[in-house]
N, C-alpha and C. Protein backbone atom coordinates (compact mmCIF):
# COMPACT_ATOMS: atom_id res chain seq x y z
N UNK A 1 75.69 93.68 65.72
CA UNK A 1 75.09 94.95 66.10
C UNK A 1 75.52 95.36 67.51
N UNK A 2 75.53 94.43 68.43
CA UNK A 2 75.94 94.74 69.81
C UNK A 2 77.40 95.14 69.85
N UNK A 3 78.25 94.44 69.09
CA UNK A 3 79.66 94.77 69.10
C UNK A 3 79.91 96.16 68.52
N UNK A 4 79.17 96.53 67.50
CA UNK A 4 79.32 97.87 66.91
C UNK A 4 78.91 98.94 67.91
N UNK A 5 77.86 98.71 68.65
CA UNK A 5 77.41 99.69 69.65
C UNK A 5 78.43 99.80 70.78
N UNK A 6 78.98 98.68 71.20
CA UNK A 6 79.97 98.70 72.28
C UNK A 6 81.21 99.49 71.86
N UNK A 7 81.64 99.32 70.63
CA UNK A 7 82.82 100.02 70.15
C UNK A 7 82.58 101.53 70.17
N UNK A 8 81.42 101.96 69.80
CA UNK A 8 81.10 103.38 69.78
C UNK A 8 81.05 103.94 71.19
N UNK A 9 80.52 103.19 72.13
CA UNK A 9 80.34 103.69 73.49
C UNK A 9 81.62 103.68 74.31
N UNK A 10 82.48 102.69 74.13
CA UNK A 10 83.62 102.49 75.02
C UNK A 10 84.89 103.15 74.52
N UNK A 11 85.20 103.04 73.26
CA UNK A 11 86.48 103.49 72.74
C UNK A 11 86.80 104.97 73.01
N UNK A 12 85.87 105.91 72.86
CA UNK A 12 86.21 107.30 73.13
C UNK A 12 86.66 107.56 74.57
N UNK A 13 86.14 106.79 75.50
CA UNK A 13 86.53 106.97 76.90
C UNK A 13 88.00 106.67 77.08
N UNK A 14 88.47 105.55 76.53
CA UNK A 14 89.88 105.19 76.67
C UNK A 14 90.77 106.14 75.88
N UNK A 15 90.30 106.62 74.75
CA UNK A 15 91.06 107.61 73.99
C UNK A 15 91.20 108.91 74.76
N UNK A 16 90.14 109.32 75.43
CA UNK A 16 90.18 110.54 76.24
C UNK A 16 91.12 110.37 77.43
N UNK A 17 91.10 109.20 78.05
CA UNK A 17 91.99 108.94 79.18
C UNK A 17 93.44 109.00 78.72
N UNK A 18 93.73 108.44 77.55
CA UNK A 18 95.10 108.47 77.03
C UNK A 18 95.52 109.89 76.68
N UNK A 19 94.62 110.65 76.04
CA UNK A 19 94.98 111.99 75.57
C UNK A 19 95.02 113.01 76.70
N UNK A 20 93.99 113.05 77.52
CA UNK A 20 93.87 114.11 78.53
C UNK A 20 94.64 113.80 79.81
N UNK A 21 94.61 112.56 80.24
CA UNK A 21 95.26 112.20 81.50
C UNK A 21 96.66 111.64 81.29
N UNK A 22 97.01 111.31 80.07
CA UNK A 22 98.33 110.76 79.79
C UNK A 22 98.53 109.35 80.31
N UNK A 23 97.46 108.63 80.55
CA UNK A 23 97.53 107.27 81.09
C UNK A 23 97.59 106.30 79.93
N UNK A 24 98.76 105.68 79.74
CA UNK A 24 98.92 104.76 78.62
C UNK A 24 99.27 103.35 79.07
N UNK A 25 99.82 103.21 80.25
CA UNK A 25 100.28 101.90 80.68
C UNK A 25 100.19 101.79 82.19
N UNK A 26 99.80 100.63 82.65
CA UNK A 26 99.73 100.37 84.09
C UNK A 26 101.04 99.71 84.53
N UNK A 27 101.69 100.27 85.52
CA UNK A 27 102.96 99.74 85.98
C UNK A 27 102.82 98.82 87.18
N UNK A 28 101.60 98.50 87.55
CA UNK A 28 101.37 97.65 88.71
C UNK A 28 101.20 96.20 88.28
N UNK A 29 101.36 95.30 89.25
CA UNK A 29 101.18 93.87 88.99
C UNK A 29 100.08 93.35 89.90
N UNK A 30 99.34 92.43 89.39
CA UNK A 30 98.28 91.82 90.17
C UNK A 30 96.93 92.41 89.81
N UNK A 31 95.95 91.53 89.76
CA UNK A 31 94.61 91.95 89.35
C UNK A 31 94.03 92.98 90.30
N UNK A 32 94.23 92.80 91.59
CA UNK A 32 93.66 93.72 92.58
C UNK A 32 94.25 95.12 92.46
N UNK A 33 95.57 95.22 92.32
CA UNK A 33 96.22 96.52 92.20
C UNK A 33 95.84 97.23 90.91
N UNK A 34 95.76 96.49 89.81
CA UNK A 34 95.38 97.08 88.53
C UNK A 34 93.93 97.56 88.59
N UNK A 35 93.07 96.79 89.25
CA UNK A 35 91.67 97.18 89.38
C UNK A 35 91.55 98.48 90.17
N UNK A 36 92.31 98.62 91.25
CA UNK A 36 92.30 99.85 92.05
C UNK A 36 92.83 101.02 91.23
N UNK A 37 93.94 100.80 90.51
CA UNK A 37 94.55 101.86 89.71
C UNK A 37 93.61 102.32 88.61
N UNK A 38 92.98 101.38 87.92
CA UNK A 38 92.06 101.74 86.85
C UNK A 38 90.83 102.45 87.41
N UNK A 39 90.40 102.04 88.59
CA UNK A 39 89.28 102.72 89.24
C UNK A 39 89.59 104.18 89.52
N UNK A 40 90.82 104.44 89.97
CA UNK A 40 91.22 105.83 90.24
C UNK A 40 91.29 106.64 88.95
N UNK A 41 91.79 106.04 87.89
CA UNK A 41 91.87 106.74 86.60
C UNK A 41 90.47 107.06 86.09
N UNK A 42 89.56 106.08 86.18
CA UNK A 42 88.19 106.32 85.72
C UNK A 42 87.49 107.36 86.59
N UNK A 43 87.79 107.36 87.89
CA UNK A 43 87.20 108.36 88.78
C UNK A 43 87.69 109.76 88.41
N UNK A 44 88.99 109.88 88.11
CA UNK A 44 89.53 111.17 87.70
C UNK A 44 88.89 111.64 86.40
N UNK A 45 88.68 110.72 85.47
CA UNK A 45 88.03 111.06 84.21
C UNK A 45 86.61 111.55 84.44
N UNK A 46 85.87 110.87 85.32
CA UNK A 46 84.50 111.28 85.62
C UNK A 46 84.46 112.64 86.30
N UNK A 47 85.42 112.92 87.18
CA UNK A 47 85.46 114.23 87.84
C UNK A 47 85.76 115.34 86.85
N UNK A 48 86.63 115.06 85.88
CA UNK A 48 86.91 116.06 84.84
C UNK A 48 85.66 116.34 84.01
N UNK A 49 84.94 115.29 83.64
CA UNK A 49 83.70 115.49 82.87
C UNK A 49 82.66 116.24 83.70
N UNK A 50 82.56 115.92 84.98
CA UNK A 50 81.60 116.58 85.85
C UNK A 50 81.95 118.06 86.01
N UNK A 51 83.24 118.37 86.14
CA UNK A 51 83.68 119.75 86.27
C UNK A 51 83.40 120.57 85.02
N UNK A 52 83.57 119.97 83.86
CA UNK A 52 83.29 120.68 82.61
C UNK A 52 81.80 120.94 82.44
N UNK A 53 80.98 120.01 82.91
CA UNK A 53 79.53 120.15 82.74
C UNK A 53 78.95 121.17 83.71
N UNK A 54 79.49 121.27 84.93
CA UNK A 54 78.88 122.13 85.94
C UNK A 54 79.30 123.59 85.81
N UNK A 55 80.33 123.90 85.01
CA UNK A 55 80.74 125.30 84.85
C UNK A 55 80.19 125.91 83.60
């Protein structure tokens, strides 16, 4: 049950990032750099959602 709920909640976010932002692959190496890069991508996604909601 938990795994089914997680799949519903998480998968659309990554699909939206791939479709709208064109982010499909990380070209960086190292856990720290990938973490920073993914943080920026998720921040951009949140800003896009926030912009759509506030207008």
